[in-house]
């Protein structure tokens, strides 16, 4: 089978490898159809962030069940599935409370074990989510990133009736924007420094857009004066500047969900920290995308929105191609952020 393999920092190769074999009763062999590159994969490829070499990455994938171990009783060959990449222990105090994202004894497909950037992959039954029959199989590769924003909504007790503000109009942010629109948000605002991304946000249903390169925090607050209350802000860019900006622009008693992962130290000015107190903000750390019962309502909601064709995915995709073109697109990043989703299409 073809596999896109990382051998060292920046060393991306397409190789022929044996089809993996079932080893345990709860193993499932999946024939991969589509697999997406995640922003978290970039440091694994270019910044020595991989747990081991060589490794096949890929935790955002969909495909069809090929075969399974004797302990799997609820699947059939040909079932359409998407990867649920986290494998918690299910037994620790966090897991027993349904806090699966907080398990400290977890495994993770495409990071701590082989992933879906290959024609076939073996995963545990718990790592698969059955897709609705009326959903295009390729769309299943986007379920995992959709659930990231939905998990933040879950932690915030929903977005219905709230004025949702997305700071960072990348793939995660624009998927969250569309979900908020479809799940009853009163308004949805996108904030970014890229005018093309803001135009796309408008096309995807944003009520307001703000260019934070051209507008100060005060300018943005003034522009959003009509939606200053009942705010739910999702910071998805993961930079010190955007975290500080989110605090600056937040309205009274806003909820601020921190979704983006920081790769640089964050130092808050005393004034900025004071705003958290003086505006009585609620800060929510949002880590991964799971809740009880496993894998969580986030996955059911994402599947429903996709099967009902309420989310636009095509405008978010920058590249879709076979193993060779996927590998070239990945190498061309050279460690820079993606400007749209890069997808591996296998069959």
Foldseek 3Di string as FASTA:
>chain_A
DWAFKAAFALRTDIDDDDADDDDDQQKWKWQWFKFWDDLVCLCVRHVVQAPDPTAGATQLTKGFTCDGHNNDDPDDGGFIKTFQFKAAPCPDPCNVQFNRLPHPPIGGDRGNHHHDRGRMDMDGNLGIDTFDPLFDSNCSSCLQLLLLLVLLQVVVVHQAQAEEEEEDLAPSRLSNQLLSVVRHHPFYEYEEQDVVSQVVSVVSPHPYYYHCVPDPLVRLLVVCVVRQPRYEYEYAPAELVSVLSCLSNHHAQYEYEDRHHHPDDHDDDPVSVVSCVVSVYHYHYRGGGAGPPPRHVSSVSSSVCRSVVSGDQVVQADEEEASVVLSVVSSVCSSPGDRGMRMHGHD
